[in-house]
Amino acid sequence: MVNDAIAKADTLIEAMGWIRRFRGKTTVIKLGGSLLEDEEAIQHLLVDVIFMETVGMRPVIVHGGGPSINRAMDAAQITPQWINGRRVTDAATLGIVERVLAGELNSHLASEIERLGGRAVNLSFESGNNVLSGEKLLLPDEGGGAPIDLGFVGHVTKVDRATIESLTYTSQVPVIPSMCIDALGQKYNVNADTAAMAVAEALGAEKLIFLSDVNGVRRDKRDPSTIIHSLTAAEAKQLIADKVIDAGMIPKVEACLSTLNRGVGKVHIIDGRLRHSLLLEIYTTSGVGTEIVQNRAPAPQQ
């Protein structure tokens, strides 16, 4: 029993250097996809977020909610349509996206943080605290034709940094749905990854963390044990050129590299289904996912 207690103390000592390094720093956490369907995983992740805030970090959550939107569309007998991985959003679909994403899911996540002992504020249209402004998104046609119109799909052009930071300075966790509004009051559905990137860049975040259903970048995508725990931007580009990083991981890693070029310190890809994956990635030396940085820095002195 004493040995178990000593092992726990050793873990705290290991974490101390990282806690000191990241105290007062902003971390943007992207939640979405199948993770939001796993209530147990979400509970552990939100406890991790509360811990991060308790030890002085400033976590900000940006979330999507594709599976929940799909269920609501199915109940309304609306068939989802997709172009290049993005949801085509007509007026009926937009109404469902707003109700589910900016309403139900956004309120649920903020309420759960409060229930688990933290403090949170949902920043959405429903709460009257929207912080993402944007405009309509048109996708370029790969064949050189007219741009592709996805309906009410947008991209973020401005983030209300002052509102978000005022909440993090007062020990509250902002919870932001991936929707934006334009100057005329039109609302748009936004890809959650790109929304999280826009928030991280606007805040000059120390970290942007993508919670996924894979454990990170792997040398063999079929073998979780081949995970690469740390990559520089140059190493990541080489792995893409060597086709070690391929298929669906390419756009995610390229998005990470783009974000690093715009002032974000580190980007992490981790498996959100692993219990306490956020804490293990941030506050241990080895981590459990893949971190991508411009240049590698030495570990903190204990």
C-alpha atoms as a PDB file:
ATOM      1  CA  MET A   1       0.000   0.000   0.000  1.00  0.00           C
ATOM      2  CA  VAL A   2       2.838   2.377   0.848  1.00  0.00           C
ATOM      3  CA  ASN A   3       4.506   1.574  -2.491  1.00  0.00           C
ATOM      4  CA  ASP A   4       1.271   2.437  -4.308  1.00  0.00           C
ATOM      5  CA  ALA A   5       1.157   5.773  -2.494  1.00  0.00           C
ATOM      6  CA  ILE A   6       4.804   6.464  -3.402  1.00  0.00           C
ATOM      7  CA  ALA A   7       4.054   5.664  -7.057  1.00  0.00           C
ATOM      8  CA  LYS A   8       1.199   8.176  -6.995  1.00  0.00           C
ATOM      9  CA  ALA A   9       3.515  10.794  -5.492  1.00  0.00           C
ATOM     10  CA  ASP A  10       6.078  10.105  -8.237  1.00  0.00           C
ATOM     11  CA  THR A  11       3.366  10.696 -10.828  1.00  0.00           C
ATOM     12  CA  LEU A  12       2.510  14.036  -9.240  1.00  0.00           C
ATOM     13  CA  ILE A  13       6.182  15.046  -9.240  1.00  0.00           C
ATOM     14  CA  GLU A  14       6.429  14.171 -12.932  1.00  0.00           C
ATOM     15  CA  ALA A  15       3.343  16.282 -13.606  1.00  0.00           C
ATOM     16  CA  MET A  16       4.647  19.248 -11.610  1.00  0.00           C
ATOM     17  CA  GLY A  17       7.067  20.464 -14.266  1.00  0.00           C
ATOM     18  CA  TRP A  18       4.389  20.390 -16.940  1.00  0.00           C
ATOM     19  CA  ILE A  19       1.831  22.073 -14.660  1.00  0.00           C
ATOM     20  CA  ARG A  20       4.259  24.922 -14.028  1.00  0.00           C
ATOM     21  CA  ARG A  21       5.076  25.251 -17.738  1.00  0.00           C
ATOM     22  CA  PHE A  22       1.429  25.434 -18.848  1.00  0.00           C
ATOM     23  CA  ARG A  23       0.016  27.485 -15.972  1.00  0.00           C
ATOM     24  CA  GLY A  24      -1.848  30.456 -17.443  1.00  0.00           C
ATOM     25  CA  LYS A  25      -1.685  29.033 -20.984  1.00  0.00           C
ATOM     26  CA  THR A  26      -4.723  28.506 -23.218  1.00  0.00           C
ATOM     27  CA  THR A  27      -5.562  25.074 -24.632  1.00  0.00           C
ATOM     28  CA  VAL A  28      -8.305  24.609 -27.227  1.00  0.00           C
ATOM     29  CA  ILE A  29      -9.924  21.163 -27.169  1.00  0.00           C
ATOM     30  CA  LYS A  30     -11.951  19.943 -30.123  1.00  0.00           C
ATOM     31  CA  LEU A  31     -14.736  17.485 -29.245  1.00  0.00           C
ATOM     32  CA  GLY A  32     -16.858  15.802 -31.864  1.00  0.00           C
ATOM     33  CA  GLY A  33     -17.887  12.762 -33.821  1.00  0.00           C
ATOM     34  CA  SER A  34     -18.391   9.414 -32.137  1.00  0.00           C
ATOM     35  CA  LEU A  35     -16.883  10.674 -28.860  1.00  0.00           C
ATOM     36  CA  LEU A  36     -19.992  12.731 -28.153  1.00  0.00           C
ATOM     37  CA  GLU A  37     -21.982   9.494 -28.373  1.00  0.00           C
ATOM     38  CA  ASP A  38     -19.880   7.861 -25.637  1.00  0.00           C
ATOM     39  CA  GLU A  39     -21.193   9.297 -22.387  1.00  0.00           C
ATOM     40  CA  GLU A  40     -18.572   7.547 -20.235  1.00  0.00           C
ATOM     41  CA  ALA A  41     -15.702   8.893 -22.359  1.00  0.00           C
ATOM     42  CA  ILE A  42     -17.179  12.397 -22.249  1.00  0.00           C
ATOM     43  CA  GLN A  43     -17.452  12.244 -18.446  1.00  0.00           C
ATOM     44  CA  HIS A  44     -13.747  11.407 -18.120  1.00  0.00           C
ATOM     45  CA  LEU A  45     -12.762  14.074 -20.650  1.00  0.00           C
ATOM     46  CA  LEU A  46     -14.749  16.768 -18.866  1.00  0.00           C
ATOM     47  CA  VAL A  47     -13.200  15.780 -15.522  1.00  0.00           C
ATOM     48  CA  ASP A  48      -9.813  16.192 -17.211  1.00  0.00           C
ATOM     49  CA  VAL A  49     -10.858  19.658 -18.420  1.00  0.00           C
ATOM     50  CA  ILE A  50     -11.874  20.622 -14.883  1.00  0.00           C
ATOM     51  CA  PHE A  51      -8.513  19.385 -13.569  1.00  0.00           C
ATOM     52  CA  MET A  52      -6.692  21.449 -16.212  1.00  0.00           C
ATOM     53  CA  GLU A  53      -8.519  24.589 -15.126  1.00  0.00           C
ATOM     54  CA  THR A  54      -7.940  23.791 -11.439  1.00  0.00           C
ATOM     55  CA  VAL A  55      -4.150  23.656 -11.881  1.00  0.00           C
ATOM     56  CA  GLY A  56      -4.056  26.946 -13.788  1.00  0.00           C
ATOM     57  CA  MET A  57      -4.521  26.119 -17.451  1.00  0.00           C
ATOM     58  CA  ARG A  58      -7.210  27.884 -19.499  1.00  0.00           C
ATOM     59  CA  PRO A  59      -9.136  25.227 -21.439  1.00  0.00           C
ATOM     60  CA  VAL A  60     -11.595  26.175 -24.198  1.00  0.00           C
ATOM     61  CA  ILE A  61     -13.905  23.576 -25.757  1.00  0.00           C
ATOM     62  CA  VAL A  62     -15.052  23.718 -29.390  1.00  0.00           C
ATOM     63  CA  HIS A  63     -17.454  20.964 -30.390  1.00  0.00           C
ATOM     64  CA  GLY A  64     -19.266  19.458 -33.334  1.00  0.00           C
ATOM     65  CA  GLY A  65     -21.991  16.832 -33.158  1.00  0.00           C
ATOM     66  CA  GLY A  66     -22.386  14.985 -36.450  1.00  0.00           C
ATOM     67  CA  PRO A  67     -23.957  11.723 -35.186  1.00  0.00           C
ATOM     68  CA  SER A  68     -26.531  13.579 -33.055  1.00  0.00           C
ATOM     69  CA  ILE A  69     -27.427  15.765 -36.037  1.00  0.00           C
ATOM     70  CA  ASN A  70     -27.769  12.656 -38.222  1.00  0.00           C
ATOM     71  CA  ARG A  71     -30.181  11.089 -35.718  1.00  0.00           C
ATOM     72  CA  ALA A  72     -32.295  14.246 -35.601  1.00  0.00           C
ATOM     73  CA  MET A  73     -32.351  14.414 -39.405  1.00  0.00           C
ATOM     74  CA  ASP A  74     -33.402  10.776 -39.569  1.00  0.00           C
ATOM     75  CA  ALA A  75     -36.251  11.489 -37.148  1.00  0.00           C
ATOM     76  CA  ALA A  76     -37.309  14.383 -39.415  1.00  0.00           C
ATOM     77  CA  GLN A  77     -37.034  12.056 -42.447  1.00  0.00           C
ATOM     78  CA  ILE A  78     -34.332  14.211 -44.055  1.00  0.00           C
ATOM     79  CA  THR A  79     -31.561  12.344 -45.888  1.00  0.00           C
ATOM     80  CA  PRO A  80     -28.073  13.805 -45.216  1.00  0.00           C
ATOM     81  CA  GLN A  81     -26.060  14.847 -48.253  1.00  0.00           C
ATOM     82  CA  TRP A  82     -22.289  15.237 -48.312  1.00  0.00           C
ATOM     83  CA  ILE A  83     -19.839  16.859 -50.719  1.00  0.00           C
ATOM     84  CA  ASN A  84     -16.085  16.504 -50.141  1.00  0.00           C
ATOM     85  CA  GLY A  85     -16.681  15.454 -46.553  1.00  0.00           C
ATOM     86  CA  ARG A  86     -18.876  18.453 -45.699  1.00  0.00           C
ATOM     87  CA  ARG A  87     -22.574  18.351 -44.883  1.00  0.00           C
ATOM     88  CA  VAL A  88     -24.812  20.064 -47.420  1.00  0.00           C
ATOM     89  CA  THR A  89     -26.978  22.330 -45.273  1.00  0.00           C
ATOM     90  CA  ASP A  90     -30.325  23.528 -46.593  1.00  0.00           C
ATOM     91  CA  ALA A  91     -32.743  25.591 -44.497  1.00  0.00           C
ATOM     92  CA  ALA A  92     -34.372  22.543 -42.860  1.00  0.00           C
ATOM     93  CA  THR A  93     -30.995  20.995 -42.037  1.00  0.00           C
ATOM     94  CA  LEU A  94     -29.711  24.307 -40.664  1.00  0.00           C
ATOM     95  CA  GLY A  95     -32.649  24.427 -38.243  1.00  0.00           C
ATOM     96  CA  ILE A  96     -31.772  20.953 -36.972  1.00  0.00           C
ATOM     97  CA  VAL A  97     -28.058  21.787 -36.719  1.00  0.00           C
ATOM     98  CA  GLU A  98     -28.818  24.879 -34.666  1.00  0.00           C
ATOM     99  CA  ARG A  99     -31.234  23.080 -32.352  1.00  0.00           C
ATOM    100  CA  VAL A 100     -28.968  20.084 -31.744  1.00  0.00           C
ATOM    101  CA  LEU A 101     -25.518  21.653 -31.925  1.00  0.00           C
ATOM    102  CA  ALA A 102     -25.943  25.196 -30.603  1.00  0.00           C
ATOM    103  CA  GLY A 103     -28.795  24.176 -28.327  1.00  0.00           C
ATOM    104  CA  GLU A 104     -28.959  20.673 -26.859  1.00  0.00           C
ATOM    105  CA  LEU A 105     -25.326  19.538 -27.096  1.00  0.00           C
ATOM    106  CA  ASN A 106     -23.854  22.894 -26.170  1.00  0.00           C
ATOM    107  CA  SER A 107     -26.043  23.224 -23.091  1.00  0.00           C
ATOM    108  CA  HIS A 108     -25.440  19.597 -22.113  1.00  0.00           C
ATOM    109  CA  LEU A 109     -21.644  19.918 -22.148  1.00  0.00           C
ATOM    110  CA  ALA A 110     -21.677  23.120 -20.104  1.00  0.00           C
ATOM    111  CA  SER A 111     -24.171  21.634 -17.628  1.00  0.00           C
ATOM    112  CA  GLU A 112     -22.077  18.482 -17.225  1.00  0.00           C
ATOM    113  CA  ILE A 113     -18.978  20.506 -16.398  1.00  0.00           C
ATOM    114  CA  GLU A 114     -20.985  22.327 -13.718  1.00  0.00           C
ATOM    115  CA  ARG A 115     -22.403  19.043 -12.401  1.00  0.00           C
ATOM    116  CA  LEU A 116     -18.911  17.563 -12.136  1.00  0.00           C
ATOM    117  CA  GLY A 117     -17.685  20.493 -10.048  1.00  0.00           C
ATOM    118  CA  GLY A 118     -16.321  22.920 -12.627  1.00  0.00           C
ATOM    119  CA  ARG A 119     -17.579  26.221 -14.004  1.00  0.00           C
ATOM    120  CA  ALA A 120     -18.608  26.600 -17.645  1.00  0.00           C
ATOM    121  CA  VAL A 121     -20.424  28.997 -19.969  1.00  0.00           C
ATOM    122  CA  ASN A 122     -22.081  27.919 -23.221  1.00  0.00           C
ATOM    123  CA  LEU A 123     -21.298  30.469 -25.938  1.00  0.00           C
ATOM    124  CA  SER A 124     -24.006  29.945 -28.537  1.00  0.00           C
ATOM    125  CA  PHE A 125     -26.879  31.640 -30.351  1.00  0.00           C
ATOM    126  CA  GLU A 126     -29.340  30.247 -27.779  1.00  0.00           C
ATOM    127  CA  SER A 127     -27.425  31.668 -24.827  1.00  0.00           C
ATOM    128  CA  GLY A 128     -27.064  35.019 -26.591  1.00  0.00           C
ATOM    129  CA  ASN A 129     -23.277  34.778 -26.347  1.00  0.00           C
ATOM    130  CA  ASN A 130     -22.179  33.787 -29.841  1.00  0.00           C
ATOM    131  CA  VAL A 131     -18.432  34.362 -30.358  1.00  0.00           C
ATOM    132  CA  LEU A 132     -17.860  33.132 -33.924  1.00  0.00           C
ATOM    133  CA  SER A 133     -18.510  35.407 -36.898  1.00  0.00           C
ATOM    134  CA  GLY A 134     -18.088  34.240 -40.467  1.00  0.00           C
ATOM    135  CA  GLU A 135     -19.311  34.086 -44.003  1.00  0.00           C
ATOM    136  CA  LYS A 136     -20.603  31.615 -46.546  1.00  0.00           C
ATOM    137  CA  LEU A 137     -18.146  28.947 -47.703  1.00  0.00           C
ATOM    138  CA  LEU A 138     -17.817  28.031 -51.377  1.00  0.00           C
ATOM    139  CA  LEU A 139     -15.624  25.039 -52.183  1.00  0.00           C
ATOM    140  CA  PRO A 140     -13.377  25.241 -55.238  1.00  0.00           C
ATOM    141  CA  ASP A 141     -14.280  22.750 -57.955  1.00  0.00           C
ATOM    142  CA  GLU A 142     -11.346  20.408 -58.615  1.00  0.00           C
ATOM    143  CA  GLY A 143     -12.307  20.281 -62.267  1.00  0.00           C
ATOM    144  CA  GLY A 144     -11.962  24.034 -62.621  1.00  0.00           C
ATOM    145  CA  GLY A 145     -15.692  24.691 -62.808  1.00  0.00           C
ATOM    146  CA  ALA A 146     -17.888  27.010 -60.780  1.00  0.00           C
ATOM    147  CA  PRO A 147     -17.395  26.966 -56.974  1.00  0.00           C
ATOM    148  CA  ILE A 148     -19.479  24.380 -55.113  1.00  0.00           C
ATOM    149  CA  ASP A 149     -22.338  25.779 -53.028  1.00  0.00           C
ATOM    150  CA  LEU A 150     -23.017  23.715 -49.887  1.00  0.00           C
ATOM    151  CA  GLY A 151     -25.973  25.802 -48.768  1.00  0.00           C
ATOM    152  CA  PHE A 152     -25.764  27.307 -45.278  1.00  0.00           C
ATOM    153  CA  VAL A 153     -22.180  26.205 -44.662  1.00  0.00           C
ATOM    154  CA  GLY A 154     -19.697  28.836 -43.580  1.00  0.00           C
ATOM    155  CA  HIS A 155     -16.217  29.438 -42.279  1.00  0.00           C
ATOM    156  CA  VAL A 156     -15.053  31.543 -39.345  1.00  0.00           C
ATOM    157  CA  THR A 157     -13.585  34.959 -40.177  1.00  0.00           C
ATOM    158  CA  LYS A 158     -13.572  36.524 -36.698  1.00  0.00           C
ATOM    159  CA  VAL A 159     -13.427  35.234 -33.124  1.00  0.00           C
ATOM    160  CA  ASP A 160     -14.582  37.303 -30.140  1.00  0.00           C
ATOM    161  CA  ARG A 161     -11.319  36.859 -28.278  1.00  0.00           C
ATOM    162  CA  ALA A 162     -12.193  39.329 -25.508  1.00  0.00           C
ATOM    163  CA  THR A 163     -15.301  37.418 -24.412  1.00  0.00           C
ATOM    164  CA  ILE A 164     -13.543  34.051 -24.414  1.00  0.00           C
ATOM    165  CA  GLU A 165     -10.516  35.328 -22.510  1.00  0.00           C
ATOM    166  CA  SER A 166     -12.632  37.173 -19.955  1.00  0.00           C
ATOM    167  CA  LEU A 167     -14.226  33.832 -19.058  1.00  0.00           C
ATOM    168  CA  THR A 168     -10.962  31.887 -18.871  1.00  0.00           C
ATOM    169  CA  TYR A 169      -9.436  34.617 -16.677  1.00  0.00           C
ATOM    170  CA  THR A 170     -12.280  34.046 -14.187  1.00  0.00           C
ATOM    171  CA  SER A 171     -11.816  30.246 -14.049  1.00  0.00           C
ATOM    172  CA  GLN A 172     -14.702  29.392 -16.355  1.00  0.00           C
ATOM    173  CA  VAL A 173     -14.575  27.014 -19.325  1.00  0.00           C
ATOM    174  CA  PRO A 174     -16.029  28.427 -22.571  1.00  0.00           C
ATOM    175  CA  VAL A 175     -17.997  25.822 -24.566  1.00  0.00           C
ATOM    176  CA  ILE A 176     -18.376  26.821 -28.227  1.00  0.00           C
ATOM    177  CA  PRO A 177     -20.453  25.067 -30.935  1.00  0.00           C
ATOM    178  CA  SER A 178     -19.116  24.958 -34.493  1.00  0.00           C
ATOM    179  CA  MET A 179     -21.523  27.501 -35.974  1.00  0.00           C
ATOM    180  CA  CYS A 180     -21.017  31.115 -37.043  1.00  0.00           C
ATOM    181  CA  ILE A 181     -23.113  34.129 -38.064  1.00  0.00           C
ATOM    182  CA  ASP A 182     -22.491  36.778 -40.723  1.00  0.00           C
ATOM    183  CA  ALA A 183     -22.958  40.554 -40.676  1.00  0.00           C
ATOM    184  CA  LEU A 184     -26.572  40.215 -41.868  1.00  0.00           C
ATOM    185  CA  GLY A 185     -27.514  37.740 -39.151  1.00  0.00           C
ATOM    186  CA  GLN A 186     -27.413  34.617 -41.321  1.00  0.00           C
ATOM    187  CA  LYS A 187     -26.263  31.537 -39.404  1.00  0.00           C
ATOM    188  CA  TYR A 188     -23.997  28.871 -40.859  1.00  0.00           C
ATOM    189  CA  ASN A 189     -22.883  25.342 -40.095  1.00  0.00           C
ATOM    190  CA  VAL A 190     -19.078  25.121 -39.745  1.00  0.00           C
ATOM    191  CA  ASN A 191     -16.706  22.154 -39.843  1.00  0.00           C
ATOM    192  CA  ALA A 192     -15.683  21.580 -36.201  1.00  0.00           C
ATOM    193  CA  ASP A 193     -11.982  21.038 -36.955  1.00  0.00           C
ATOM    194  CA  THR A 194     -11.703  24.342 -38.809  1.00  0.00           C
ATOM    195  CA  ALA A 195     -13.724  26.149 -36.124  1.00  0.00           C
ATOM    196  CA  ALA A 196     -11.347  24.857 -33.438  1.00  0.00           C
ATOM    197  CA  MET A 197      -8.370  25.940 -35.527  1.00  0.00           C
ATOM    198  CA  ALA A 198      -9.798  29.452 -35.917  1.00  0.00           C
ATOM    199  CA  VAL A 199     -10.362  29.750 -32.148  1.00  0.00           C
ATOM    200  CA  ALA A 200      -6.868  28.449 -31.315  1.00  0.00           C
ATOM    201  CA  GLU A 201      -5.244  30.850 -33.770  1.00  0.00           C
ATOM    202  CA  ALA A 202      -7.248  33.840 -32.524  1.00  0.00           C
ATOM    203  CA  LEU A 203      -6.345  33.091 -28.897  1.00  0.00           C
ATOM    204  CA  GLY A 204      -2.682  32.337 -29.645  1.00  0.00           C
ATOM    205  CA  ALA A 205      -3.236  29.032 -27.852  1.00  0.00           C
ATOM    206  CA  GLU A 206      -0.352  27.066 -26.390  1.00  0.00           C
ATOM    207  CA  LYS A 207      -2.074  23.864 -27.513  1.00  0.00           C
ATOM    208  CA  LEU A 208      -4.796  22.697 -29.887  1.00  0.00           C
ATOM    209  CA  ILE A 209      -5.955  19.168 -29.117  1.00  0.00           C
ATOM    210  CA  PHE A 210      -7.969  17.068 -31.562  1.00  0.00           C
ATOM    211  CA  LEU A 211      -9.757  14.265 -29.733  1.00  0.00           C
ATOM    212  CA  SER A 212     -10.097  11.402 -32.186  1.00  0.00           C
ATOM    213  CA  ASP A 213     -10.978   7.692 -32.267  1.00  0.00           C
ATOM    214  CA  VAL A 214      -7.366   6.805 -33.173  1.00  0.00           C
ATOM    215  CA  ASN A 215      -4.381   7.187 -30.864  1.00  0.00           C
ATOM    216  CA  GLY A 216      -2.384   9.469 -33.175  1.00  0.00           C
ATOM    217  CA  VAL A 217      -0.095   9.291 -36.188  1.00  0.00           C
ATOM    218  CA  ARG A 218       1.185   5.748 -36.725  1.00  0.00           C
ATOM    219  CA  ARG A 219       4.046   4.322 -38.785  1.00  0.00           C
ATOM    220  CA  ASP A 220       1.638   1.496 -39.625  1.00  0.00           C
ATOM    221  CA  LYS A 221      -1.910   2.833 -39.584  1.00  0.00           C
ATOM    222  CA  ARG A 222      -3.250  -0.660 -38.750  1.00  0.00           C
ATOM    223  CA  ASP A 223      -1.041  -1.069 -35.659  1.00  0.00           C
ATOM    224  CA  PRO A 224      -1.711   1.238 -32.655  1.00  0.00           C
ATOM    225  CA  SER A 225       1.641   0.262 -31.111  1.00  0.00           C
ATOM    226  CA  THR A 226       3.495   2.078 -33.933  1.00  0.00           C
ATOM    227  CA  ILE A 227       2.311   5.499 -32.765  1.00  0.00           C
ATOM    228  CA  ILE A 228       4.767   8.377 -33.207  1.00  0.00           C
ATOM    229  CA  HIS A 229       4.587  10.431 -30.016  1.00  0.00           C
ATOM    230  CA  SER A 230       6.338  13.578 -31.256  1.00  0.00           C
ATOM    231  CA  LEU A 231       6.813  15.085 -34.715  1.00  0.00           C
ATOM    232  CA  THR A 232       8.312  18.326 -35.910  1.00  0.00           C
ATOM    233  CA  ALA A 233       6.673  20.052 -38.850  1.00  0.00           C
ATOM    234  CA  ALA A 234       9.546  18.956 -41.105  1.00  0.00           C
ATOM    235  CA  GLU A 235       9.252  15.332 -39.973  1.00  0.00           C
ATOM    236  CA  ALA A 236       5.487  15.348 -40.555  1.00  0.00           C
ATOM    237  CA  LYS A 237       5.940  16.692 -44.107  1.00  0.00           C
ATOM    238  CA  GLN A 238       8.501  13.979 -44.812  1.00  0.00           C
ATOM    239  CA  LEU A 239       6.155  11.249 -43.557  1.00  0.00           C
ATOM    240  CA  ILE A 240       3.462  12.566 -45.908  1.00  0.00           C
ATOM    241  CA  ALA A 241       5.964  12.537 -48.801  1.00  0.00           C
ATOM    242  CA  ASP A 242       6.987   8.979 -47.850  1.00  0.00           C
ATOM    243  CA  LYS A 243       3.302   7.933 -47.739  1.00  0.00           C
ATOM    244  CA  VAL A 244       3.623   6.829 -44.094  1.00  0.00           C
ATOM    245  CA  ILE A 245       0.917   9.384 -43.379  1.00  0.00           C
ATOM    246  CA  ASP A 246      -1.805   8.774 -45.942  1.00  0.00           C
ATOM    247  CA  ALA A 247      -5.528   8.769 -46.672  1.00  0.00           C
ATOM    248  CA  GLY A 248      -7.723  10.572 -44.142  1.00  0.00           C
ATOM    249  CA  MET A 249      -4.827  11.429 -41.822  1.00  0.00           C
ATOM    250  CA  ILE A 250      -3.210  13.685 -44.465  1.00  0.00           C
ATOM    251  CA  PRO A 251      -5.738  16.573 -44.286  1.00  0.00           C
ATOM    252  CA  LYS A 252      -5.768  16.420 -40.473  1.00  0.00           C
ATOM    253  CA  VAL A 253      -1.963  16.621 -40.254  1.00  0.00           C
ATOM    254  CA  GLU A 254      -1.831  19.337 -42.936  1.00  0.00           C
ATOM    255  CA  ALA A 255      -4.389  21.302 -40.913  1.00  0.00           C
ATOM    256  CA  CYS A 256      -2.165  20.886 -37.843  1.00  0.00           C
ATOM    257  CA  LEU A 257       0.823  22.248 -39.758  1.00  0.00           C
ATOM    258  CA  SER A 258      -1.199  25.202 -41.023  1.00  0.00           C
ATOM    259  CA  THR A 259      -2.237  26.036 -37.461  1.00  0.00           C
ATOM    260  CA  LEU A 260       1.356  25.903 -36.210  1.00  0.00           C
ATOM    261  CA  ASN A 261       2.239  28.479 -38.858  1.00  0.00           C
ATOM    262  CA  ARG A 262      -0.359  30.832 -37.357  1.00  0.00           C
ATOM    263  CA  GLY A 263       0.894  31.066 -33.800  1.00  0.00           C
ATOM    264  CA  VAL A 264      -0.350  27.918 -32.025  1.00  0.00           C
ATOM    265  CA  GLY A 265       2.422  26.327 -29.961  1.00  0.00           C
ATOM    266  CA  LYS A 266       1.599  22.618 -30.304  1.00  0.00           C
ATOM    267  CA  VAL A 267      -1.085  20.479 -31.893  1.00  0.00           C
ATOM    268  CA  HIS A 268      -2.017  17.085 -30.454  1.00  0.00           C
ATOM    269  CA  ILE A 269      -3.985  14.178 -31.914  1.00  0.00           C
ATOM    270  CA  ILE A 270      -5.128  11.752 -29.203  1.00  0.00           C
ATOM    271  CA  ASP A 271      -7.659   8.985 -28.651  1.00  0.00           C
ATOM    272  CA  GLY A 272     -10.444  10.533 -26.595  1.00  0.00           C
ATOM    273  CA  ARG A 273     -11.818   7.091 -25.697  1.00  0.00           C
ATOM    274  CA  LEU A 274      -8.785   6.383 -23.501  1.00  0.00           C
ATOM    275  CA  ARG A 275      -9.619   7.217 -19.901  1.00  0.00           C
ATOM    276  CA  HIS A 276      -7.993  10.523 -18.851  1.00  0.00           C
ATOM    277  CA  SER A 277      -6.216  10.822 -22.206  1.00  0.00           C
ATOM    278  CA  LEU A 278      -6.064  14.622 -21.877  1.00  0.00           C
ATOM    279  CA  LEU A 279      -4.174  14.485 -18.581  1.00  0.00           C
ATOM    280  CA  LEU A 280      -1.873  11.715 -19.770  1.00  0.00           C
ATOM    281  CA  GLU A 281      -1.001  13.656 -22.927  1.00  0.00           C
ATOM    282  CA  ILE A 282      -0.404  17.015 -21.249  1.00  0.00           C
ATOM    283  CA  TYR A 283       1.074  16.144 -17.859  1.00  0.00           C
ATOM    284  CA  THR A 284       3.312  13.132 -18.569  1.00  0.00           C
ATOM    285  CA  THR A 285       6.648  13.133 -20.355  1.00  0.00           C
ATOM    286  CA  SER A 286       5.837  10.474 -22.963  1.00  0.00           C
ATOM    287  CA  GLY A 287       2.162  11.322 -23.555  1.00  0.00           C
ATOM    288  CA  VAL A 288      -0.350   8.979 -25.170  1.00  0.00           C
ATOM    289  CA  GLY A 289      -0.946  10.581 -28.564  1.00  0.00           C
ATOM    290  CA  THR A 290       0.983  12.466 -31.224  1.00  0.00           C
ATOM    291  CA  GLU A 291       2.197  16.023 -30.666  1.00  0.00           C
ATOM    292  CA  ILE A 292       3.222  18.106 -33.669  1.00  0.00           C
ATOM    293  CA  VAL A 293       5.502  21.095 -33.100  1.00  0.00           C
ATOM    294  CA  GLN A 294       7.530  23.450 -35.271  1.00  0.00           C
ATOM    295  CA  ASN A 295      10.750  22.505 -33.483  1.00  0.00           C
ATOM    296  CA  ARG A 296      11.403  20.123 -30.617  1.00  0.00           C
ATOM    297  CA  ALA A 297      12.079  21.657 -27.168  1.00  0.00           C
ATOM    298  CA  PRO A 298      13.702  19.996 -24.133  1.00  0.00           C
ATOM    299  CA  ALA A 299      11.540  18.524 -21.368  1.00  0.00           C
ATOM    300  CA  PRO A 300      11.045  20.740 -18.298  1.00  0.00           C
ATOM    301  CA  GLN A 301      13.380  20.470 -15.343  1.00  0.00           C
ATOM    302  CA  GLN A 302      11.774  18.747 -12.385  1.00  0.00           C
END
